Protein backbone atom coordinates (compact mmCIF):
# COMPACT_ATOMS: atom_id res chain seq x y z
CA MET A 1 -41.53 -71.10 128.98
CA ASP A 2 -38.84 -68.55 129.82
CA GLU A 3 -38.03 -67.71 133.42
CA ARG A 4 -40.70 -65.50 134.92
CA PRO A 5 -39.76 -61.83 135.26
CA PRO A 6 -40.05 -60.05 138.64
CA ALA A 7 -43.58 -60.01 140.02
CA ASN A 8 -43.30 -56.25 140.62
CA GLU A 9 -41.02 -53.99 138.61
CA SER A 10 -40.52 -50.29 137.90
CA MET A 11 -40.34 -49.75 134.14
CA GLU A 12 -39.76 -45.97 134.25
CA PRO A 13 -40.61 -43.27 136.81
CA LEU A 14 -44.29 -43.13 135.85
CA VAL A 15 -44.82 -46.85 135.14
CA ARG A 16 -44.85 -49.93 137.35
CA ARG A 17 -45.58 -53.47 136.18
CA ILE A 18 -47.32 -56.15 138.26
CA LEU A 19 -47.29 -59.71 136.92
CA ALA A 20 -50.43 -61.79 137.52
CA PRO A 21 -49.88 -65.41 138.63
CA ASN A 22 -51.53 -66.92 135.53
CA PRO A 23 -48.71 -68.26 133.34
CA SER A 24 -49.77 -70.66 130.61
CA PRO A 25 -48.96 -71.60 127.01
CA PHE A 26 -51.48 -68.90 126.05
CA THR A 27 -50.51 -66.07 128.45
CA TYR A 28 -46.73 -66.67 128.47
CA THR A 29 -45.40 -65.65 131.92
CA GLY A 30 -48.79 -64.15 132.82
CA THR A 31 -50.90 -61.04 132.29
CA GLN A 32 -49.05 -57.81 133.05
CA THR A 33 -50.95 -55.12 134.94
CA TYR A 34 -49.50 -51.61 134.77
CA VAL A 35 -49.76 -48.80 137.32
CA VAL A 36 -49.32 -45.33 135.81
CA GLY A 37 -48.50 -42.25 137.87
CA ARG A 38 -47.62 -41.51 141.48
CA GLY A 39 -50.02 -40.52 144.24
CA GLU A 40 -53.10 -40.56 142.02
CA VAL A 41 -52.71 -43.47 139.63
CA ALA A 42 -54.34 -45.45 136.86
CA VAL A 43 -54.31 -49.25 136.66
CA ILE A 44 -54.20 -50.73 133.15
CA ASP A 45 -55.44 -54.30 132.53
CA PRO A 46 -56.12 -55.36 136.12
CA GLY A 47 -56.10 -58.95 134.88
CA PRO A 48 -57.87 -62.15 135.93
CA ASP A 49 -60.02 -62.24 139.06
CA LEU A 50 -57.45 -63.85 141.34
CA PRO A 51 -57.48 -62.77 145.01
CA GLU A 52 -53.69 -62.89 145.27
CA HIS A 53 -53.29 -60.60 142.24
CA LEU A 54 -55.83 -58.12 143.58
CA ALA A 55 -53.98 -58.12 146.91
CA THR A 56 -50.71 -57.37 145.14
CA ILE A 57 -52.23 -54.45 143.21
CA LEU A 58 -53.61 -52.99 146.44
CA ASP A 59 -50.32 -53.54 148.25
CA GLN A 60 -48.28 -51.92 145.47
CA THR A 61 -50.57 -48.85 145.47
CA ALA A 62 -50.92 -48.54 149.25
CA GLY A 63 -51.01 -44.90 150.28
CA GLU A 64 -52.03 -43.85 146.77
CA ARG A 65 -55.44 -43.32 145.19
CA ILE A 66 -56.47 -45.30 142.14
CA VAL A 67 -58.48 -42.86 140.02
CA ALA A 68 -59.10 -45.04 136.96
CA ILE A 69 -59.14 -48.73 136.06
CA LEU A 70 -58.47 -49.12 132.34
CA CYS A 71 -59.02 -52.22 130.20
CA THR A 72 -57.56 -52.74 126.73
CA HIS A 73 -60.15 -55.43 125.90
CA THR A 74 -62.44 -57.92 127.56
CA HIS A 75 -60.77 -61.30 127.44
CA ARG A 76 -60.87 -63.06 130.79
CA ASP A 77 -57.17 -62.68 131.48
CA HIS A 78 -57.48 -58.86 131.25
CA SER A 79 -60.69 -57.32 132.61
CA PRO A 80 -62.39 -59.46 135.34
CA ALA A 81 -60.30 -58.03 138.20
CA SER A 82 -61.69 -54.59 137.34
CA ARG A 83 -64.78 -55.39 139.38
CA PRO A 84 -63.19 -56.36 142.72
CA LEU A 85 -60.64 -53.56 142.27
CA LYS A 86 -63.46 -51.05 141.80
CA ALA A 87 -65.24 -52.48 144.84
CA ALA A 88 -62.08 -52.08 146.93
CA THR A 89 -61.15 -48.57 145.76
CA GLY A 90 -64.22 -46.89 144.28
CA ALA A 91 -62.28 -46.13 141.10
CA PRO A 92 -64.28 -46.06 137.85
CA ILE A 93 -63.76 -48.67 135.14
CA VAL A 94 -62.73 -46.88 131.96
CA GLY A 95 -61.60 -47.92 128.49
CA CYS A 96 -62.85 -50.41 125.97
CA ALA A 97 -66.50 -50.95 125.17
CA PRO A 98 -68.28 -54.02 126.55
CA LEU A 99 -68.37 -57.02 124.27
CA ALA A 100 -70.67 -59.86 125.28
CA MET A 101 -70.42 -62.81 122.97
CA GLU A 102 -69.82 -66.51 123.21
CA ASP A 103 -67.27 -68.02 120.87
CA GLY A 104 -67.46 -71.78 120.80
CA GLY A 105 -64.57 -72.31 118.42
CA PRO A 106 -61.16 -73.61 119.47
CA ARG A 107 -58.95 -70.73 120.47
CA ALA A 108 -55.49 -70.04 121.84
CA ASP A 109 -56.40 -67.23 124.20
CA ALA A 110 -58.88 -66.49 126.94
CA ALA A 111 -62.61 -66.38 126.35
CA PHE A 112 -64.60 -63.16 126.70
CA ASP A 113 -65.46 -61.55 130.02
CA LEU A 114 -69.23 -61.35 129.68
CA GLU A 115 -69.73 -59.42 132.96
CA TYR A 116 -67.54 -56.43 132.11
CA VAL A 117 -69.42 -53.15 132.63
CA PRO A 118 -67.42 -49.93 132.14
CA ASP A 119 -68.35 -46.64 133.77
CA ARG A 120 -66.94 -44.78 130.80
CA VAL A 121 -66.09 -45.98 127.30
CA LEU A 122 -63.17 -44.21 125.63
CA ALA A 123 -63.42 -43.42 121.94
CA ASP A 124 -60.30 -43.17 119.80
CA GLY A 125 -58.31 -40.12 120.94
CA GLU A 126 -60.10 -39.55 124.26
CA THR A 127 -58.04 -39.23 127.41
CA VAL A 128 -57.86 -40.03 131.10
CA SER A 129 -55.45 -37.98 133.19
CA GLY A 130 -54.01 -37.45 136.64
CA PRO A 131 -51.17 -35.46 138.20
CA GLY A 132 -48.29 -35.59 135.71
CA TRP A 133 -49.81 -38.21 133.38
CA THR A 134 -52.20 -38.39 130.45
CA LEU A 135 -53.38 -41.62 128.81
CA ARG A 136 -54.86 -41.32 125.33
CA ALA A 137 -56.94 -44.13 123.82
CA VAL A 138 -55.71 -45.52 120.50
CA ALA A 139 -58.37 -47.72 118.88
CA THR A 140 -56.74 -50.90 117.56
CA PRO A 141 -59.43 -53.41 116.57
CA GLY A 142 -58.44 -56.77 115.15
CA HIS A 143 -57.50 -59.08 118.03
CA THR A 144 -60.94 -58.10 119.29
CA SER A 145 -63.32 -55.51 117.88
CA ASN A 146 -63.14 -53.46 121.11
CA HIS A 147 -59.35 -53.43 121.58
CA LEU A 148 -57.69 -50.20 122.71
CA CYS A 149 -54.08 -49.29 123.30
CA PHE A 150 -53.22 -46.44 125.66
CA ALA A 151 -50.52 -43.86 124.92
CA LEU A 152 -48.75 -42.20 127.86
CA GLU A 153 -48.22 -38.77 126.36
CA GLU A 154 -45.62 -37.54 128.83
CA THR A 155 -43.09 -40.31 128.07
CA GLY A 156 -43.92 -41.73 124.64
CA ALA A 157 -44.86 -45.15 125.99
CA LEU A 158 -47.73 -47.17 124.52
CA PHE A 159 -49.56 -49.86 126.48
CA SER A 160 -50.22 -52.26 123.61
CA GLY A 161 -52.41 -54.87 125.32
CA ASP A 162 -52.66 -57.96 123.11
CA HIS A 163 -52.46 -56.04 119.83
CA VAL A 164 -48.66 -56.17 119.90
CA MET A 165 -47.11 -58.60 122.37
CA GLY A 166 -43.52 -59.12 123.43
CA TRP A 167 -43.41 -62.88 122.94
CA SER A 168 -45.76 -64.04 120.18
CA THR A 169 -47.96 -62.96 117.32
CA THR A 170 -51.50 -61.96 118.22
CA VAL A 171 -54.41 -64.38 117.93
CA VAL A 172 -57.06 -63.14 115.48
CA SER A 173 -60.05 -65.40 116.03
CA PRO A 174 -63.33 -64.95 114.11
CA PRO A 175 -66.12 -64.09 114.44
CA ASP A 176 -65.01 -61.10 116.55
CA GLY A 177 -61.35 -61.15 115.53
CA ASP A 178 -60.91 -59.51 112.14
CA MET A 179 -57.74 -59.79 110.05
CA ALA A 180 -58.45 -56.76 107.87
CA ALA A 181 -59.01 -54.64 110.98
CA TYR A 182 -55.89 -56.07 112.62
CA MET A 183 -53.71 -55.19 109.61
CA ALA A 184 -55.20 -51.69 109.47
CA SER A 185 -54.42 -51.26 113.18
CA LEU A 186 -50.80 -52.31 112.59
CA ASP A 187 -50.61 -49.74 109.81
CA LYS A 188 -52.01 -47.15 112.20
CA LEU A 189 -49.25 -47.85 114.73
CA LEU A 190 -46.62 -47.51 112.01
CA THR A 191 -47.66 -43.87 111.58
CA ARG A 192 -46.99 -43.19 115.28
CA THR A 193 -43.69 -42.37 116.99
CA ASP A 194 -44.11 -44.19 120.30
CA ARG A 195 -40.79 -44.77 122.07
CA VAL A 196 -41.56 -48.10 123.73
CA TYR A 197 -44.45 -50.55 123.98
CA TYR A 198 -45.48 -52.16 127.25
CA PRO A 199 -47.50 -55.23 126.21
CA ALA A 200 -49.85 -57.28 128.35
CA HIS A 201 -47.67 -60.35 127.77
CA GLY A 202 -43.91 -60.49 127.32
CA PRO A 203 -41.06 -58.01 127.72
CA ALA A 204 -41.09 -54.33 126.86
CA ILE A 205 -40.65 -53.64 123.15
CA GLU A 206 -37.80 -51.17 122.71
CA GLN A 207 -37.96 -50.85 118.91
CA PRO A 208 -41.72 -50.91 118.38
CA ARG A 209 -41.99 -49.77 114.76
CA ARG A 210 -39.47 -52.40 113.66
CA LEU A 211 -41.49 -55.11 115.39
CA VAL A 212 -44.81 -53.84 113.97
CA GLY A 213 -43.31 -53.96 110.48
CA ARG A 214 -42.18 -57.55 111.07
CA LEU A 215 -45.63 -58.54 112.34
CA ALA A 216 -47.27 -57.09 109.23
CA GLY A 217 -44.75 -58.91 107.04
CA HIS A 218 -45.41 -62.16 108.89
CA ARG A 219 -49.14 -61.90 108.19
CA ARG A 220 -48.49 -61.16 104.51
CA LEU A 221 -46.29 -64.26 104.38
CA ARG A 222 -49.08 -66.37 105.89
CA GLU A 223 -51.49 -64.99 103.30
CA ARG A 224 -49.06 -65.91 100.51
CA GLN A 225 -48.73 -69.44 101.91
CA ILE A 226 -52.51 -69.86 101.89
CA LEU A 227 -52.86 -68.63 98.32
CA ASP A 228 -50.02 -70.88 97.14
CA MET A 229 -51.60 -73.95 98.75
CA LEU A 230 -55.01 -73.18 97.30
CA GLY A 231 -53.33 -72.75 93.94
CA GLU A 232 -52.48 -76.45 94.13
CA ALA A 233 -56.00 -77.61 94.99
CA PRO A 234 -58.97 -76.75 97.21
CA GLN A 235 -58.11 -77.59 100.83
CA PRO A 236 -59.73 -77.66 104.27
CA ILE A 237 -58.26 -75.59 107.05
CA PRO A 238 -56.75 -78.54 109.02
CA SER A 239 -54.65 -79.52 106.00
CA MET A 240 -53.37 -75.99 105.63
CA VAL A 241 -52.56 -75.74 109.35
CA ALA A 242 -50.54 -78.96 109.23
CA ARG A 243 -48.38 -77.59 106.42
CA MET A 244 -48.10 -74.02 107.71
CA TYR A 245 -47.32 -74.88 111.35
CA PRO A 246 -45.16 -78.05 111.37
CA GLY A 247 -44.39 -79.28 114.87
CA LEU A 248 -46.90 -76.96 116.52
CA ASP A 249 -47.83 -77.69 120.13
CA PRO A 250 -51.11 -79.65 119.85
CA ARG A 251 -52.72 -77.28 122.36
CA LEU A 252 -52.26 -74.44 119.86
CA ILE A 253 -53.56 -76.15 116.73
CA GLY A 254 -57.13 -74.93 117.26
CA GLY A 255 -55.94 -71.33 117.61
CA ALA A 256 -53.78 -71.65 114.49
CA GLY A 257 -56.84 -72.83 112.59
CA ARG A 258 -58.74 -69.75 113.72
CA SER A 259 -55.92 -67.54 112.46
CA VAL A 260 -56.02 -69.27 109.07
CA LEU A 261 -59.79 -68.81 109.04
CA ALA A 262 -59.32 -65.10 109.72
CA HIS A 263 -56.99 -64.84 106.72
CA LEU A 264 -59.46 -66.74 104.55
CA ILE A 265 -62.38 -64.51 105.55
CA GLU A 266 -60.30 -61.45 104.71
CA LEU A 267 -59.33 -62.95 101.33
CA GLU A 268 -62.96 -63.88 100.71
CA GLY A 269 -63.89 -60.26 101.31
CA ARG A 270 -61.45 -59.29 98.55
CA ALA A 271 -62.98 -61.94 96.22
CA ALA A 272 -59.67 -63.82 96.15
CA VAL A 273 -60.97 -67.12 97.57
CA VAL A 274 -64.31 -68.92 97.88
CA ARG A 275 -65.71 -71.51 100.26
CA ASP A 276 -66.22 -74.96 98.83
CA GLY A 277 -68.03 -76.96 101.52
CA GLU A 278 -65.45 -77.65 104.24
CA SER A 279 -62.68 -76.61 101.88
CA TRP A 280 -61.51 -73.35 100.40
CA ALA A 281 -60.48 -72.62 96.82
CA LEU A 282 -59.09 -69.80 94.76
CA ALA A 283 -61.79 -67.65 93.19
CA ALA A 284 -62.25 -68.30 89.49
């Protein structure tokens, strides 16, 4: 893992970043919470429910009023701290819709926060604002069905959550993760002119459209690999993972299998592949 960035950092006059103390092979250096505005502020992705992280958020906003707590999605490294932060400040929880589901499959990211209850759900294009700042919701399903990004209209910044990260490709894990939706959301971002992305994990993305294009190309390459392997013979997912991800950290193999499954489900929807017991095959 790379050296951890500063725990608290000003990204631009309207944006501060607070790094949660939850580094792991799945969260990189940790979940990044963002504070938007001055005086009356919004907090984006308050993160995991860790007392020391909550204390840092409150310390970094001392003398200010938090007027909104926004969540990009409801994995447990993003939204649980919304509840103690609301209790401490009275600020409403705003943003993505609740998503209560158990997912028993192996994954390479956090499980769902089943206790998340927003005071207001933002639809695509709706806004939250304060003095000198406006955050507009950009619906980006795929990583999860309820994923939102938030565009800071005054500066051209986009808070990209886990949809586009600064260190790794995004996990798309069925049944809630959807590869077709993820690709459509990447295409949606390519039509935008955002100046910079501030992801929930990893460094700021200074050339966002270039990265989004590379991510889409990477997924198309994975799809081509799957089709080529199935052109040889029907295969189960573990065999495909072993060939597609040589030398992968064993802790990430389960998550890689979920990503392959997401590709296969998308291909199945296009009648390109069929299930054959535990294996998959090209459609006749």
